[in-house]
């Protein structure tokens, strides 16, 4: 397997992190927009933020940064902190 999916899977090897992402991704990018379209703004925002929070917990467990943080660091040309 090559490409973006392989890279994503390599960064989500811990089973807990993987399953937190399997919950958080659809919550943020499917359930939240559905609620927003249906006019449930508060629920939509809560689902979006909650879904992302679940994914960030997965990254804490995995011990790596989220793709969004890596992209932001690249855009801002900030080196990762020394570990």
Protein backbone atom coordinates (compact mmCIF):
# COMPACT_ATOMS: atom_id res chain seq x y z
CA UNK A 1 0.00 0.00 0.00
CA UNK A 2 1.44 3.35 -0.97
CA UNK A 3 0.43 6.95 -0.84
CA UNK A 4 -1.55 9.04 1.63
CA UNK A 5 -3.45 6.12 3.16
CA UNK A 6 -0.22 4.27 3.94
CA UNK A 7 1.23 7.39 5.56
CA UNK A 8 -1.96 7.88 7.59
CA UNK A 9 -1.96 4.24 8.74
CA UNK A 10 1.72 4.48 9.71
CA UNK A 11 0.90 7.43 11.98
CA UNK A 12 -2.09 5.68 13.61
CA UNK A 13 -0.73 2.29 14.64
CA UNK A 14 -1.96 2.25 18.24
CA UNK A 15 -5.38 0.52 18.21
CA UNK A 16 -6.92 3.04 20.62
CA UNK A 17 -5.71 5.97 18.54
CA UNK A 18 -6.97 4.30 15.36
CA UNK A 19 -10.47 3.72 16.78
CA UNK A 20 -10.65 7.22 18.27
CA UNK A 21 -10.02 8.50 14.75
CA UNK A 22 -12.68 6.15 13.35
CA UNK A 23 -15.14 7.88 15.70
CA UNK A 24 -13.77 11.43 15.49
CA UNK A 25 -13.41 11.77 11.71
CA UNK A 26 -17.05 10.98 10.82
CA UNK A 27 -18.24 13.02 13.78
CA UNK A 28 -16.35 16.09 12.55
CA UNK A 29 -16.89 15.73 8.82
CA UNK A 30 -20.25 13.98 8.45
CA UNK A 31 -22.41 14.44 11.55
CA UNK A 32 -21.43 18.07 12.19
CA UNK A 33 -22.23 19.32 8.66
CA UNK A 34 -25.54 17.40 8.69
CA UNK A 35 -26.54 19.16 11.91
CA UNK A 36 -25.47 22.54 10.51
CA UNK A 37 -27.50 22.03 7.32
CA UNK A 38 -30.54 21.01 9.37
CA UNK A 39 -30.25 24.23 11.37
CA UNK A 40 -28.94 22.71 14.61
CA UNK A 41 -26.01 25.11 14.88
CA UNK A 42 -25.03 24.44 18.48
CA UNK A 43 -25.09 20.66 17.98
CA UNK A 44 -23.13 20.98 14.73
CA UNK A 45 -20.40 23.07 16.32
CA UNK A 46 -20.26 20.77 19.37
CA UNK A 47 -19.92 17.67 17.15
CA UNK A 48 -17.19 19.30 15.07
CA UNK A 49 -15.15 20.37 18.10
CA UNK A 50 -15.83 17.09 19.91
CA UNK A 51 -14.79 15.02 16.90
CA UNK A 52 -11.52 16.91 16.64
CA UNK A 53 -10.92 16.61 20.39
CA UNK A 54 -11.33 12.83 20.15
CA UNK A 55 -8.76 12.74 17.34
CA UNK A 56 -6.29 14.90 19.29
CA UNK A 57 -6.61 12.50 22.24
CA UNK A 58 -5.65 9.75 19.80
CA UNK A 59 -2.53 11.69 18.84
CA UNK A 60 -1.62 12.15 22.49
CA UNK A 61 -1.89 8.39 22.96
CA UNK A 62 0.09 7.74 19.77
CA UNK A 63 2.75 10.28 20.76
CA UNK A 64 2.75 12.19 17.48
CA UNK A 65 1.36 15.43 16.08
CA UNK A 66 -1.82 15.76 14.09
CA UNK A 67 -1.64 16.34 10.36
CA UNK A 68 -3.20 19.76 10.88
CA UNK A 69 -0.45 20.76 13.31
CA UNK A 70 2.25 19.52 10.93
CA UNK A 71 0.68 21.47 8.05
CA UNK A 72 0.44 24.63 10.14
CA UNK A 73 4.08 24.31 11.20
CA UNK A 74 5.08 23.85 7.55
CA UNK A 75 3.09 26.93 6.47
CA UNK A 76 4.57 29.01 9.29
CA UNK A 77 8.01 27.50 8.65
CA UNK A 78 8.36 26.52 12.30
CA UNK A 79 10.63 23.61 13.11
CA UNK A 80 9.20 20.94 15.39
CA UNK A 81 10.23 21.30 19.03
CA UNK A 82 13.18 19.19 20.16
CA UNK A 83 12.09 15.94 21.75
